[in-house]
């Protein structure tokens, strides 16, 4: 296969979970999507991606991402291997898992974590440098495989923090920038000039007439 020249990486944040709705920190805790598909955001997401074909599919190994991928309804005969990769997991929030801002706002350690922009690990959790390193390593593997196999479009089903990390790396965004909501998608476009360079970034528009 000819070497790839352009590559679109479609980043999908998993659909809505009960903890997302309740604004609880959700990292490695393995819960599923809300049972109502329309409430999880999958209807609009599936419509937004309708007609796209993918040369490679990557997915976090956690259940909410697996369910999101299954809900997209990609053709079974596409002949594309899906790679489930733990490096695409959300940040491990440690002791903050399942808690809300209101539960923690008076905790000095929590305030220190927020003020450090995640550089200080939450109790029993993951420091930002380790998180960004594993996400970057997974993306570098994706780009290397795209170069070798001539991929033109890849799908990545993952978590909000992972998408923020990738957008901050490739778009030079600030720490508080780059977030997308559950059930939404964003595309990073790359060109190959002796190495992959991100040329532009854009939201995947949701159809105006999609069921809500």
C-alpha atoms as a PDB file:
ATOM      1  CA  UNK A   1       0.000   0.000   0.000  1.00  0.00           C
ATOM      2  CA  UNK A   2       1.233   3.502  -0.800  1.00  0.00           C
ATOM      3  CA  UNK A   3       2.535   5.606   2.037  1.00  0.00           C
ATOM      4  CA  UNK A   4      -0.033   7.900   3.607  1.00  0.00           C
ATOM      5  CA  UNK A   5       0.155  11.608   2.813  1.00  0.00           C
ATOM      6  CA  UNK A   6      -2.904  12.836   4.699  1.00  0.00           C
ATOM      7  CA  UNK A   7      -4.601  11.375   7.732  1.00  0.00           C
ATOM      8  CA  UNK A   8      -7.777  12.334   9.572  1.00  0.00           C
ATOM      9  CA  UNK A   9      -7.998  11.128  13.168  1.00  0.00           C
ATOM     10  CA  UNK A  10     -11.587  11.266  14.422  1.00  0.00           C
ATOM     11  CA  UNK A  11     -11.605  11.490  18.213  1.00  0.00           C
ATOM     12  CA  UNK A  12     -14.883  10.362  19.794  1.00  0.00           C
ATOM     13  CA  UNK A  13     -15.729  10.899  23.429  1.00  0.00           C
ATOM     14  CA  UNK A  14     -17.842   8.061  24.796  1.00  0.00           C
ATOM     15  CA  UNK A  15     -21.543   8.625  25.382  1.00  0.00           C
ATOM     16  CA  UNK A  16     -23.122   9.859  28.592  1.00  0.00           C
ATOM     17  CA  UNK A  17     -22.901   7.860  31.817  1.00  0.00           C
ATOM     18  CA  UNK A  18     -24.725   8.390  35.090  1.00  0.00           C
ATOM     19  CA  UNK A  19     -21.529   9.756  36.646  1.00  0.00           C
ATOM     20  CA  UNK A  20     -21.101  12.248  33.797  1.00  0.00           C
ATOM     21  CA  UNK A  21     -24.646  13.434  34.325  1.00  0.00           C
ATOM     22  CA  UNK A  22     -24.010  13.767  38.076  1.00  0.00           C
ATOM     23  CA  UNK A  23     -20.694  15.568  37.390  1.00  0.00           C
ATOM     24  CA  UNK A  24     -18.644  12.996  39.306  1.00  0.00           C
ATOM     25  CA  UNK A  25     -14.978  12.355  38.590  1.00  0.00           C
ATOM     26  CA  UNK A  26     -14.855   9.295  36.348  1.00  0.00           C
ATOM     27  CA  UNK A  27     -11.515   7.828  35.446  1.00  0.00           C
ATOM     28  CA  UNK A  28     -10.718   4.095  35.555  1.00  0.00           C
ATOM     29  CA  UNK A  29     -13.980   3.119  37.267  1.00  0.00           C
ATOM     30  CA  UNK A  30     -15.590   0.808  34.709  1.00  0.00           C
ATOM     31  CA  UNK A  31     -19.251   1.772  34.358  1.00  0.00           C
ATOM     32  CA  UNK A  32     -21.450   1.608  31.283  1.00  0.00           C
ATOM     33  CA  UNK A  33     -23.484   4.152  29.377  1.00  0.00           C
ATOM     34  CA  UNK A  34     -26.936   5.295  30.375  1.00  0.00           C
ATOM     35  CA  UNK A  35     -29.420   2.638  29.229  1.00  0.00           C
ATOM     36  CA  UNK A  36     -31.440   5.149  27.164  1.00  0.00           C
ATOM     37  CA  UNK A  37     -29.522   5.447  23.887  1.00  0.00           C
ATOM     38  CA  UNK A  38     -30.953   8.863  23.073  1.00  0.00           C
ATOM     39  CA  UNK A  39     -29.830  10.116  26.478  1.00  0.00           C
ATOM     40  CA  UNK A  40     -26.294   8.768  25.998  1.00  0.00           C
ATOM     41  CA  UNK A  41     -25.753  10.837  22.840  1.00  0.00           C
ATOM     42  CA  UNK A  42     -25.223   7.830  20.558  1.00  0.00           C
ATOM     43  CA  UNK A  43     -28.043   8.665  18.144  1.00  0.00           C
ATOM     44  CA  UNK A  44     -26.577  12.025  17.179  1.00  0.00           C
ATOM     45  CA  UNK A  45     -23.040  10.658  17.151  1.00  0.00           C
ATOM     46  CA  UNK A  46     -23.964   7.770  14.883  1.00  0.00           C
ATOM     47  CA  UNK A  47     -25.685  10.166  12.480  1.00  0.00           C
ATOM     48  CA  UNK A  48     -22.698  12.525  12.510  1.00  0.00           C
ATOM     49  CA  UNK A  49     -20.311   9.714  11.508  1.00  0.00           C
ATOM     50  CA  UNK A  50     -22.670   8.072   9.003  1.00  0.00           C
ATOM     51  CA  UNK A  51     -20.973   7.499   5.680  1.00  0.00           C
ATOM     52  CA  UNK A  52     -17.433   7.742   7.029  1.00  0.00           C
ATOM     53  CA  UNK A  53     -15.113   4.810   6.460  1.00  0.00           C
ATOM     54  CA  UNK A  54     -12.136   4.079   8.685  1.00  0.00           C
ATOM     55  CA  UNK A  55      -8.859   2.335   7.907  1.00  0.00           C
ATOM     56  CA  UNK A  56      -8.079   1.803  11.586  1.00  0.00           C
ATOM     57  CA  UNK A  57     -10.120   1.769  14.797  1.00  0.00           C
ATOM     58  CA  UNK A  58      -8.746   2.299  18.292  1.00  0.00           C
ATOM     59  CA  UNK A  59     -10.749   2.160  21.492  1.00  0.00           C
ATOM     60  CA  UNK A  60     -10.202   2.453  25.234  1.00  0.00           C
ATOM     61  CA  UNK A  61     -10.677  -0.921  26.884  1.00  0.00           C
ATOM     62  CA  UNK A  62     -13.231   0.472  29.382  1.00  0.00           C
ATOM     63  CA  UNK A  63     -16.861  -0.516  29.024  1.00  0.00           C
ATOM     64  CA  UNK A  64     -18.314   2.914  28.261  1.00  0.00           C
ATOM     65  CA  UNK A  65     -16.032   3.243  25.244  1.00  0.00           C
ATOM     66  CA  UNK A  66     -16.660  -0.303  24.048  1.00  0.00           C
ATOM     67  CA  UNK A  67     -20.412   0.346  24.242  1.00  0.00           C
ATOM     68  CA  UNK A  68     -20.014   3.621  22.364  1.00  0.00           C
ATOM     69  CA  UNK A  69     -18.063   1.917  19.599  1.00  0.00           C
ATOM     70  CA  UNK A  70     -20.677  -0.841  19.338  1.00  0.00           C
ATOM     71  CA  UNK A  71     -23.412   1.795  19.223  1.00  0.00           C
ATOM     72  CA  UNK A  72     -21.851   3.493  16.201  1.00  0.00           C
ATOM     73  CA  UNK A  73     -22.954   0.587  14.045  1.00  0.00           C
ATOM     74  CA  UNK A  74     -19.783   0.293  11.952  1.00  0.00           C
ATOM     75  CA  UNK A  75     -20.154  -2.386   9.258  1.00  0.00           C
ATOM     76  CA  UNK A  76     -19.074  -5.829  10.442  1.00  0.00           C
ATOM     77  CA  UNK A  77     -17.544  -6.620   7.049  1.00  0.00           C
ATOM     78  CA  UNK A  78     -15.220  -3.602   6.957  1.00  0.00           C
ATOM     79  CA  UNK A  79     -12.195  -5.855   7.507  1.00  0.00           C
ATOM     80  CA  UNK A  80     -10.615  -3.431   9.959  1.00  0.00           C
ATOM     81  CA  UNK A  81      -9.129  -4.657  13.205  1.00  0.00           C
ATOM     82  CA  UNK A  82     -10.225  -2.823  16.349  1.00  0.00           C
ATOM     83  CA  UNK A  83      -7.415  -2.278  18.835  1.00  0.00           C
ATOM     84  CA  UNK A  84      -8.530  -1.998  22.461  1.00  0.00           C
ATOM     85  CA  UNK A  85      -5.786  -0.121  24.267  1.00  0.00           C
ATOM     86  CA  UNK A  86      -5.565   0.675  27.988  1.00  0.00           C
ATOM     87  CA  UNK A  87      -3.350   3.669  27.152  1.00  0.00           C
ATOM     88  CA  UNK A  88      -6.527   5.384  25.912  1.00  0.00           C
ATOM     89  CA  UNK A  89      -8.107   5.266  29.381  1.00  0.00           C
ATOM     90  CA  UNK A  90      -9.074   8.434  31.204  1.00  0.00           C
ATOM     91  CA  UNK A  91      -6.828   9.833  33.929  1.00  0.00           C
ATOM     92  CA  UNK A  92      -6.894   7.738  37.106  1.00  0.00           C
ATOM     93  CA  UNK A  93      -8.421  10.118  39.671  1.00  0.00           C
ATOM     94  CA  UNK A  94      -7.523   7.882  42.611  1.00  0.00           C
ATOM     95  CA  UNK A  95      -9.350   8.882  45.795  1.00  0.00           C
ATOM     96  CA  UNK A  96     -11.394  11.469  43.878  1.00  0.00           C
ATOM     97  CA  UNK A  97     -13.160   8.827  41.754  1.00  0.00           C
ATOM     98  CA  UNK A  98     -16.911   9.108  42.122  1.00  0.00           C
ATOM     99  CA  UNK A  99     -16.776  12.414  43.985  1.00  0.00           C
ATOM    100  CA  UNK A 100     -18.073  15.820  42.859  1.00  0.00           C
ATOM    101  CA  UNK A 101     -16.616  19.284  43.134  1.00  0.00           C
ATOM    102  CA  UNK A 102     -19.037  20.060  45.948  1.00  0.00           C
ATOM    103  CA  UNK A 103     -17.711  17.045  47.857  1.00  0.00           C
ATOM    104  CA  UNK A 104     -14.118  18.246  47.568  1.00  0.00           C
ATOM    105  CA  UNK A 105     -14.096  22.031  47.308  1.00  0.00           C
ATOM    106  CA  UNK A 106     -13.099  22.538  50.940  1.00  0.00           C
ATOM    107  CA  UNK A 107     -10.317  19.933  50.867  1.00  0.00           C
ATOM    108  CA  UNK A 108      -6.859  21.539  50.839  1.00  0.00           C
ATOM    109  CA  UNK A 109      -5.300  18.645  48.921  1.00  0.00           C
ATOM    110  CA  UNK A 110      -7.948  18.903  46.242  1.00  0.00           C
ATOM    111  CA  UNK A 111      -7.400  22.653  45.881  1.00  0.00           C
ATOM    112  CA  UNK A 112      -3.658  22.023  45.548  1.00  0.00           C
ATOM    113  CA  UNK A 113      -4.319  19.475  42.807  1.00  0.00           C
ATOM    114  CA  UNK A 114      -6.521  21.922  40.902  1.00  0.00           C
ATOM    115  CA  UNK A 115      -4.021  24.749  41.325  1.00  0.00           C
ATOM    116  CA  UNK A 116      -1.213  22.538  40.011  1.00  0.00           C
ATOM    117  CA  UNK A 117      -3.223  21.896  36.823  1.00  0.00           C
ATOM    118  CA  UNK A 118      -2.953  18.190  37.510  1.00  0.00           C
ATOM    119  CA  UNK A 119       0.829  18.091  37.776  1.00  0.00           C
ATOM    120  CA  UNK A 120       0.395  16.951  41.373  1.00  0.00           C
ATOM    121  CA  UNK A 121      -1.209  13.525  41.381  1.00  0.00           C
ATOM    122  CA  UNK A 122      -4.517  13.080  43.211  1.00  0.00           C
ATOM    123  CA  UNK A 123      -4.230  10.781  46.253  1.00  0.00           C
ATOM    124  CA  UNK A 124      -3.684   7.285  44.914  1.00  0.00           C
ATOM    125  CA  UNK A 125      -4.110   8.576  41.360  1.00  0.00           C
ATOM    126  CA  UNK A 126      -2.095   9.435  38.278  1.00  0.00           C
ATOM    127  CA  UNK A 127       0.119  12.504  37.778  1.00  0.00           C
ATOM    128  CA  UNK A 128      -0.411  14.488  34.602  1.00  0.00           C
ATOM    129  CA  UNK A 129       3.058  13.803  33.109  1.00  0.00           C
ATOM    130  CA  UNK A 130       2.485  10.036  33.250  1.00  0.00           C
ATOM    131  CA  UNK A 131      -0.995  10.423  31.798  1.00  0.00           C
ATOM    132  CA  UNK A 132       0.151  12.621  28.911  1.00  0.00           C
ATOM    133  CA  UNK A 133       3.089  10.289  28.199  1.00  0.00           C
ATOM    134  CA  UNK A 134       0.927   7.170  27.817  1.00  0.00           C
ATOM    135  CA  UNK A 135      -1.617   9.020  25.640  1.00  0.00           C
ATOM    136  CA  UNK A 136       1.160  10.426  23.441  1.00  0.00           C
ATOM    137  CA  UNK A 137       2.758   6.983  23.087  1.00  0.00           C
ATOM    138  CA  UNK A 138      -0.532   5.515  21.881  1.00  0.00           C
ATOM    139  CA  UNK A 139      -0.988   8.339  19.368  1.00  0.00           C
ATOM    140  CA  UNK A 140       2.571   7.929  18.110  1.00  0.00           C
ATOM    141  CA  UNK A 141       1.891   4.232  17.494  1.00  0.00           C
ATOM    142  CA  UNK A 142      -1.287   5.148  15.593  1.00  0.00           C
ATOM    143  CA  UNK A 143       0.635   7.601  13.405  1.00  0.00           C
ATOM    144  CA  UNK A 144       3.431   5.099  12.762  1.00  0.00           C
ATOM    145  CA  UNK A 145       0.938   2.442  11.674  1.00  0.00           C
ATOM    146  CA  UNK A 146      -0.824   4.967   9.452  1.00  0.00           C
ATOM    147  CA  UNK A 147       2.449   5.745   7.703  1.00  0.00           C
ATOM    148  CA  UNK A 148       3.284   2.078   7.144  1.00  0.00           C
ATOM    149  CA  UNK A 149      -0.184   0.934   6.057  1.00  0.00           C
ATOM    150  CA  UNK A 150      -1.328   4.027   4.168  1.00  0.00           C
ATOM    151  CA  UNK A 151      -4.263   4.855   6.432  1.00  0.00           C
ATOM    152  CA  UNK A 152      -6.344   7.861   5.446  1.00  0.00           C
ATOM    153  CA  UNK A 153      -8.785   7.995   8.364  1.00  0.00           C
ATOM    154  CA  UNK A 154      -8.637   6.510  11.866  1.00  0.00           C
ATOM    155  CA  UNK A 155     -11.302   6.372  14.556  1.00  0.00           C
ATOM    156  CA  UNK A 156     -10.381   6.737  18.227  1.00  0.00           C
ATOM    157  CA  UNK A 157     -13.092   6.118  20.839  1.00  0.00           C
ATOM    158  CA  UNK A 158     -11.853   7.389  24.160  1.00  0.00           C
ATOM    159  CA  UNK A 159     -12.426   9.805  27.062  1.00  0.00           C
ATOM    160  CA  UNK A 160     -12.658  13.538  27.530  1.00  0.00           C
ATOM    161  CA  UNK A 161      -9.299  13.886  29.272  1.00  0.00           C
ATOM    162  CA  UNK A 162      -7.527  11.899  26.553  1.00  0.00           C
ATOM    163  CA  UNK A 163      -8.996  14.117  23.841  1.00  0.00           C
ATOM    164  CA  UNK A 164      -7.949  17.228  25.764  1.00  0.00           C
ATOM    165  CA  UNK A 165      -4.424  15.829  26.100  1.00  0.00           C
ATOM    166  CA  UNK A 166      -4.190  15.115  22.368  1.00  0.00           C
ATOM    167  CA  UNK A 167      -5.605  18.498  21.409  1.00  0.00           C
ATOM    168  CA  UNK A 168      -3.242  20.281  23.789  1.00  0.00           C
ATOM    169  CA  UNK A 169      -0.315  18.412  22.279  1.00  0.00           C
ATOM    170  CA  UNK A 170      -1.195  18.873  18.611  1.00  0.00           C
ATOM    171  CA  UNK A 171      -2.976  22.235  18.767  1.00  0.00           C
ATOM    172  CA  UNK A 172      -0.860  23.842  21.501  1.00  0.00           C
ATOM    173  CA  UNK A 173      -3.942  24.553  23.616  1.00  0.00           C
ATOM    174  CA  UNK A 174      -3.865  25.552  27.258  1.00  0.00           C
ATOM    175  CA  UNK A 175      -4.602  23.220  30.172  1.00  0.00           C
ATOM    176  CA  UNK A 176      -8.270  24.233  30.488  1.00  0.00           C
ATOM    177  CA  UNK A 177      -8.937  24.100  26.730  1.00  0.00           C
ATOM    178  CA  UNK A 178      -9.870  21.328  24.309  1.00  0.00           C
ATOM    179  CA  UNK A 179     -12.752  19.680  26.144  1.00  0.00           C
ATOM    180  CA  UNK A 180     -15.689  18.151  24.283  1.00  0.00           C
ATOM    181  CA  UNK A 181     -18.931  16.784  25.701  1.00  0.00           C
ATOM    182  CA  UNK A 182     -19.919  13.086  25.949  1.00  0.00           C
ATOM    183  CA  UNK A 183     -21.141  11.753  22.622  1.00  0.00           C
ATOM    184  CA  UNK A 184     -19.306  14.377  20.565  1.00  0.00           C
ATOM    185  CA  UNK A 185     -16.398  14.064  18.148  1.00  0.00           C
ATOM    186  CA  UNK A 186     -13.454  16.125  16.959  1.00  0.00           C
ATOM    187  CA  UNK A 187     -11.102  15.621  14.008  1.00  0.00           C
ATOM    188  CA  UNK A 188      -7.360  16.207  13.897  1.00  0.00           C
ATOM    189  CA  UNK A 189      -6.044  16.416  10.323  1.00  0.00           C
ATOM    190  CA  UNK A 190      -2.411  15.483   9.674  1.00  0.00           C
ATOM    191  CA  UNK A 191      -0.129  15.843   6.674  1.00  0.00           C
ATOM    192  CA  UNK A 192       3.087  13.886   6.206  1.00  0.00           C
ATOM    193  CA  UNK A 193       6.169  16.015   5.550  1.00  0.00           C
ATOM    194  CA  UNK A 194       9.003  13.783   6.682  1.00  0.00           C
ATOM    195  CA  UNK A 195       6.870  13.207   9.781  1.00  0.00           C
ATOM    196  CA  UNK A 196       3.269  13.800  10.748  1.00  0.00           C
ATOM    197  CA  UNK A 197       2.220  17.402  11.349  1.00  0.00           C
ATOM    198  CA  UNK A 198      -1.230  18.458  12.528  1.00  0.00           C
ATOM    199  CA  UNK A 199      -2.518  20.852   9.870  1.00  0.00           C
ATOM    200  CA  UNK A 200      -5.958  21.668  11.255  1.00  0.00           C
ATOM    201  CA  UNK A 201      -8.555  20.732  13.836  1.00  0.00           C
ATOM    202  CA  UNK A 202     -12.321  20.818  13.601  1.00  0.00           C
ATOM    203  CA  UNK A 203     -15.431  19.694  15.438  1.00  0.00           C
ATOM    204  CA  UNK A 204     -17.480  16.962  13.804  1.00  0.00           C
ATOM    205  CA  UNK A 205     -20.826  18.720  13.318  1.00  0.00           C
ATOM    206  CA  UNK A 206     -23.936  17.092  14.720  1.00  0.00           C
ATOM    207  CA  UNK A 207     -26.869  16.909  12.277  1.00  0.00           C
ATOM    208  CA  UNK A 208     -29.424  19.602  13.012  1.00  0.00           C
ATOM    209  CA  UNK A 209     -32.288  17.169  12.405  1.00  0.00           C
ATOM    210  CA  UNK A 210     -30.880  14.332  14.526  1.00  0.00           C
ATOM    211  CA  UNK A 211     -33.150  12.918  17.217  1.00  0.00           C
ATOM    212  CA  UNK A 212     -32.520  14.439  20.651  1.00  0.00           C
END
